[in-house]
Amino acid sequence: MQINIREIDHVVIRCADIDNMVDFYRTVLGCPVEKEQRDLGLVQMRAGRSLIDLLAVGAKIDRPESGQVGRGRNMDHQCVRVEPFDADSLRAHLEKHGARVGEEARRYGAEGFGPSLYFFDPEGNMIELKGPPEA
């Protein structure tokens, strides 16, 4: 059997302050809340065709074996494909919201090489904004 992966379905981020993280992902990245299960400590946010799940530290479905709790870097990074990609405008928007932003670079992704910009959310998780592939 061969597993054929089509795309990333969702990414789960463990959060020390879930309300602050929901506000950041909604305001800065424009991800609307799709489903809330506050009794489980889970908020699922729409990111294009994928989901970003925010899971409160200590939530009913939090798994201690998952690693460090609430110290940022709860994963290496998540990459979100954006279009149009205007590095200067993206940087200005992110910095306006207090995000720490890295340098634009040419990086490889699912569609090949293209422009990319890294930044960090309020809990230290790294996010990559990936532009269209080179022609």
C-alpha atoms as a PDB file:
ATOM      1  CA  MET A   1       0.000   0.000   0.000  1.00  0.00           C
ATOM      2  CA  GLN A   2       1.176   3.537  -0.745  1.00  0.00           C
ATOM      3  CA  ILE A   3      -0.167   6.540   1.135  1.00  0.00           C
ATOM      4  CA  ASN A   4      -0.848   9.462  -1.221  1.00  0.00           C
ATOM      5  CA  ILE A   5      -0.855  12.785   0.602  1.00  0.00           C
ATOM      6  CA  ARG A   6      -2.829  15.541  -1.112  1.00  0.00           C
ATOM      7  CA  GLU A   7      -2.359  18.482   1.277  1.00  0.00           C
ATOM      8  CA  ILE A   8      -2.057  19.408   4.939  1.00  0.00           C
ATOM      9  CA  ASP A   9      -5.430  19.023   6.649  1.00  0.00           C
ATOM     10  CA  HIS A  10      -4.665  20.815   9.892  1.00  0.00           C
ATOM     11  CA  VAL A  11      -1.947  21.874  12.324  1.00  0.00           C
ATOM     12  CA  VAL A  12      -2.453  21.781  16.106  1.00  0.00           C
ATOM     13  CA  ILE A  13      -0.771  24.393  18.302  1.00  0.00           C
ATOM     14  CA  ARG A  14      -0.733  24.042  22.076  1.00  0.00           C
ATOM     15  CA  CYS A  15      -1.498  27.431  23.681  1.00  0.00           C
ATOM     16  CA  ALA A  16      -0.917  28.910  27.121  1.00  0.00           C
ATOM     17  CA  ASP A  17      -3.345  31.799  26.353  1.00  0.00           C
ATOM     18  CA  ILE A  18      -5.878  30.518  23.828  1.00  0.00           C
ATOM     19  CA  ASP A  19      -7.941  33.740  23.719  1.00  0.00           C
ATOM     20  CA  ASN A  20      -4.878  35.801  22.794  1.00  0.00           C
ATOM     21  CA  MET A  21      -3.932  33.254  20.126  1.00  0.00           C
ATOM     22  CA  VAL A  22      -7.459  33.203  18.630  1.00  0.00           C
ATOM     23  CA  ASP A  23      -7.390  36.989  18.443  1.00  0.00           C
ATOM     24  CA  PHE A  24      -3.944  36.957  16.774  1.00  0.00           C
ATOM     25  CA  TYR A  25      -4.820  34.350  14.132  1.00  0.00           C
ATOM     26  CA  ARG A  26      -8.159  36.057  13.401  1.00  0.00           C
ATOM     27  CA  THR A  27      -6.846  39.631  13.316  1.00  0.00           C
ATOM     28  CA  VAL A  28      -3.382  39.191  11.814  1.00  0.00           C
ATOM     29  CA  LEU A  29      -3.878  36.232   9.448  1.00  0.00           C
ATOM     30  CA  GLY A  30      -7.604  36.617   8.803  1.00  0.00           C
ATOM     31  CA  CYS A  31      -8.455  33.082   9.941  1.00  0.00           C
ATOM     32  CA  PRO A  32     -12.107  32.912  10.993  1.00  0.00           C
ATOM     33  CA  VAL A  33     -13.193  30.664  13.834  1.00  0.00           C
ATOM     34  CA  GLU A  34     -14.805  27.601  12.266  1.00  0.00           C
ATOM     35  CA  LYS A  35     -15.630  25.504  15.309  1.00  0.00           C
ATOM     36  CA  GLU A  36     -15.284  26.038  19.049  1.00  0.00           C
ATOM     37  CA  GLN A  37     -15.282  23.281  21.623  1.00  0.00           C
ATOM     38  CA  ARG A  38     -14.361  25.371  24.644  1.00  0.00           C
ATOM     39  CA  ASP A  39     -15.368  22.525  26.984  1.00  0.00           C
ATOM     40  CA  LEU A  40     -12.487  20.560  25.415  1.00  0.00           C
ATOM     41  CA  GLY A  41     -10.167  23.601  25.250  1.00  0.00           C
ATOM     42  CA  LEU A  42     -10.176  23.577  21.428  1.00  0.00           C
ATOM     43  CA  VAL A  43     -10.777  26.297  18.834  1.00  0.00           C
ATOM     44  CA  GLN A  44     -10.515  25.405  15.145  1.00  0.00           C
ATOM     45  CA  MET A  45      -9.757  28.206  12.692  1.00  0.00           C
ATOM     46  CA  ARG A  46     -10.119  28.114   8.919  1.00  0.00           C
ATOM     47  CA  ALA A  47      -6.901  28.734   6.950  1.00  0.00           C
ATOM     48  CA  GLY A  48      -7.881  28.423   3.291  1.00  0.00           C
ATOM     49  CA  ARG A  49      -8.658  24.736   2.681  1.00  0.00           C
ATOM     50  CA  SER A  50      -6.908  23.752   5.922  1.00  0.00           C
ATOM     51  CA  LEU A  51      -7.448  24.270   9.646  1.00  0.00           C
ATOM     52  CA  ILE A  52      -5.287  25.662  12.418  1.00  0.00           C
ATOM     53  CA  ASP A  53      -6.382  24.072  15.686  1.00  0.00           C
ATOM     54  CA  LEU A  54      -5.583  25.941  18.888  1.00  0.00           C
ATOM     55  CA  LEU A  55      -5.515  23.655  21.924  1.00  0.00           C
ATOM     56  CA  ALA A  56      -5.351  25.088  25.432  1.00  0.00           C
ATOM     57  CA  VAL A  57      -2.599  23.719  27.643  1.00  0.00           C
ATOM     58  CA  GLY A  58      -4.230  21.405  30.177  1.00  0.00           C
ATOM     59  CA  ALA A  59      -7.283  20.853  27.952  1.00  0.00           C
ATOM     60  CA  LYS A  60      -9.188  17.592  28.231  1.00  0.00           C
ATOM     61  CA  ILE A  61      -7.603  16.358  25.004  1.00  0.00           C
ATOM     62  CA  ASP A  62      -4.102  17.705  25.766  1.00  0.00           C
ATOM     63  CA  ARG A  63      -1.548  14.914  25.676  1.00  0.00           C
ATOM     64  CA  PRO A  64       1.378  15.116  28.126  1.00  0.00           C
ATOM     65  CA  GLU A  65       3.536  13.011  25.790  1.00  0.00           C
ATOM     66  CA  SER A  66       3.319  15.760  23.147  1.00  0.00           C
ATOM     67  CA  GLY A  67       6.292  17.672  24.536  1.00  0.00           C
ATOM     68  CA  GLN A  68       6.820  21.008  26.238  1.00  0.00           C
ATOM     69  CA  VAL A  69       3.745  22.798  27.409  1.00  0.00           C
ATOM     70  CA  GLY A  70       3.084  26.480  26.750  1.00  0.00           C
ATOM     71  CA  ARG A  71       6.687  27.509  26.158  1.00  0.00           C
ATOM     72  CA  GLY A  72       6.387  28.388  22.498  1.00  0.00           C
ATOM     73  CA  ARG A  73       7.960  26.350  19.742  1.00  0.00           C
ATOM     74  CA  ASN A  74       5.328  23.669  20.266  1.00  0.00           C
ATOM     75  CA  MET A  75       6.190  22.685  16.676  1.00  0.00           C
ATOM     76  CA  ASP A  76       8.936  23.896  14.335  1.00  0.00           C
ATOM     77  CA  HIS A  77       6.681  25.971  12.081  1.00  0.00           C
ATOM     78  CA  GLN A  78       3.571  25.965   9.987  1.00  0.00           C
ATOM     79  CA  CYS A  79       3.546  27.220   6.418  1.00  0.00           C
ATOM     80  CA  VAL A  80       0.564  29.047   4.947  1.00  0.00           C
ATOM     81  CA  ARG A  81       0.418  29.682   1.178  1.00  0.00           C
ATOM     82  CA  VAL A  82      -0.637  33.271   0.434  1.00  0.00           C
ATOM     83  CA  GLU A  83      -1.414  35.135  -2.766  1.00  0.00           C
ATOM     84  CA  PRO A  84      -0.724  37.826  -3.603  1.00  0.00           C
ATOM     85  CA  PHE A  85       2.682  37.864  -1.935  1.00  0.00           C
ATOM     86  CA  ASP A  86       3.992  41.384  -1.337  1.00  0.00           C
ATOM     87  CA  ALA A  87       6.792  41.081   1.215  1.00  0.00           C
ATOM     88  CA  ASP A  88       6.843  44.783   2.133  1.00  0.00           C
ATOM     89  CA  SER A  89       3.075  44.941   2.714  1.00  0.00           C
ATOM     90  CA  LEU A  90       3.085  41.667   4.638  1.00  0.00           C
ATOM     91  CA  ARG A  91       5.981  42.843   6.813  1.00  0.00           C
ATOM     92  CA  ALA A  92       4.258  46.176   7.557  1.00  0.00           C
ATOM     93  CA  HIS A  93       1.017  44.399   8.493  1.00  0.00           C
ATOM     94  CA  LEU A  94       2.753  41.889  10.756  1.00  0.00           C
ATOM     95  CA  GLU A  95       4.922  44.501  12.476  1.00  0.00           C
ATOM     96  CA  LYS A  96       1.864  46.713  13.023  1.00  0.00           C
ATOM     97  CA  HIS A  97       0.474  43.830  15.092  1.00  0.00           C
ATOM     98  CA  GLY A  98       3.704  43.386  17.048  1.00  0.00           C
ATOM     99  CA  ALA A  99       4.932  40.258  15.277  1.00  0.00           C
ATOM    100  CA  ARG A 100       8.667  39.589  15.108  1.00  0.00           C
ATOM    101  CA  VAL A 101       9.424  39.174  11.385  1.00  0.00           C
ATOM    102  CA  GLY A 102      12.435  37.610   9.668  1.00  0.00           C
ATOM    103  CA  GLU A 103      13.934  38.309   6.258  1.00  0.00           C
ATOM    104  CA  GLU A 104      12.218  37.471   2.993  1.00  0.00           C
ATOM    105  CA  ALA A 105      13.973  34.602   1.234  1.00  0.00           C
ATOM    106  CA  ARG A 106      13.582  32.182  -1.656  1.00  0.00           C
ATOM    107  CA  ARG A 107      12.572  28.851  -0.135  1.00  0.00           C
ATOM    108  CA  TYR A 108      11.305  25.520  -1.365  1.00  0.00           C
ATOM    109  CA  GLY A 109       7.740  24.421  -0.616  1.00  0.00           C
ATOM    110  CA  ALA A 110       4.989  22.157  -1.918  1.00  0.00           C
ATOM    111  CA  GLU A 111       4.792  24.007  -5.238  1.00  0.00           C
ATOM    112  CA  GLY A 112       8.536  24.555  -5.704  1.00  0.00           C
ATOM    113  CA  PHE A 113      10.791  27.532  -5.027  1.00  0.00           C
ATOM    114  CA  GLY A 114       9.232  30.883  -4.281  1.00  0.00           C
ATOM    115  CA  PRO A 115       9.283  33.837  -1.908  1.00  0.00           C
ATOM    116  CA  SER A 116       8.716  33.284   1.769  1.00  0.00           C
ATOM    117  CA  LEU A 117       8.636  35.236   5.012  1.00  0.00           C
ATOM    118  CA  TYR A 118       8.917  33.869   8.560  1.00  0.00           C
ATOM    119  CA  PHE A 119       7.372  35.465  11.662  1.00  0.00           C
ATOM    120  CA  PHE A 120       6.372  34.466  15.187  1.00  0.00           C
ATOM    121  CA  ASP A 121       2.959  34.399  16.865  1.00  0.00           C
ATOM    122  CA  PRO A 122       2.466  35.675  20.448  1.00  0.00           C
ATOM    123  CA  GLU A 123       3.567  32.343  21.987  1.00  0.00           C
ATOM    124  CA  GLY A 124       6.741  31.992  19.911  1.00  0.00           C
ATOM    125  CA  ASN A 125       5.492  29.592  17.238  1.00  0.00           C
ATOM    126  CA  MET A 126       7.086  30.223  13.863  1.00  0.00           C
ATOM    127  CA  ILE A 127       4.829  30.757  10.832  1.00  0.00           C
ATOM    128  CA  GLU A 128       5.956  30.893   7.223  1.00  0.00           C
ATOM    129  CA  LEU A 129       3.995  32.872   4.646  1.00  0.00           C
ATOM    130  CA  LYS A 130       4.748  31.274   1.258  1.00  0.00           C
ATOM    131  CA  GLY A 131       4.171  33.056  -2.031  1.00  0.00           C
ATOM    132  CA  PRO A 132       3.517  31.601  -5.482  1.00  0.00           C
ATOM    133  CA  PRO A 133       6.106  29.357  -7.107  1.00  0.00           C
ATOM    134  CA  GLU A 134       8.612  30.765  -9.572  1.00  0.00           C
ATOM    135  CA  ALA A 135       7.474  30.590 -13.190  1.00  0.00           C
END
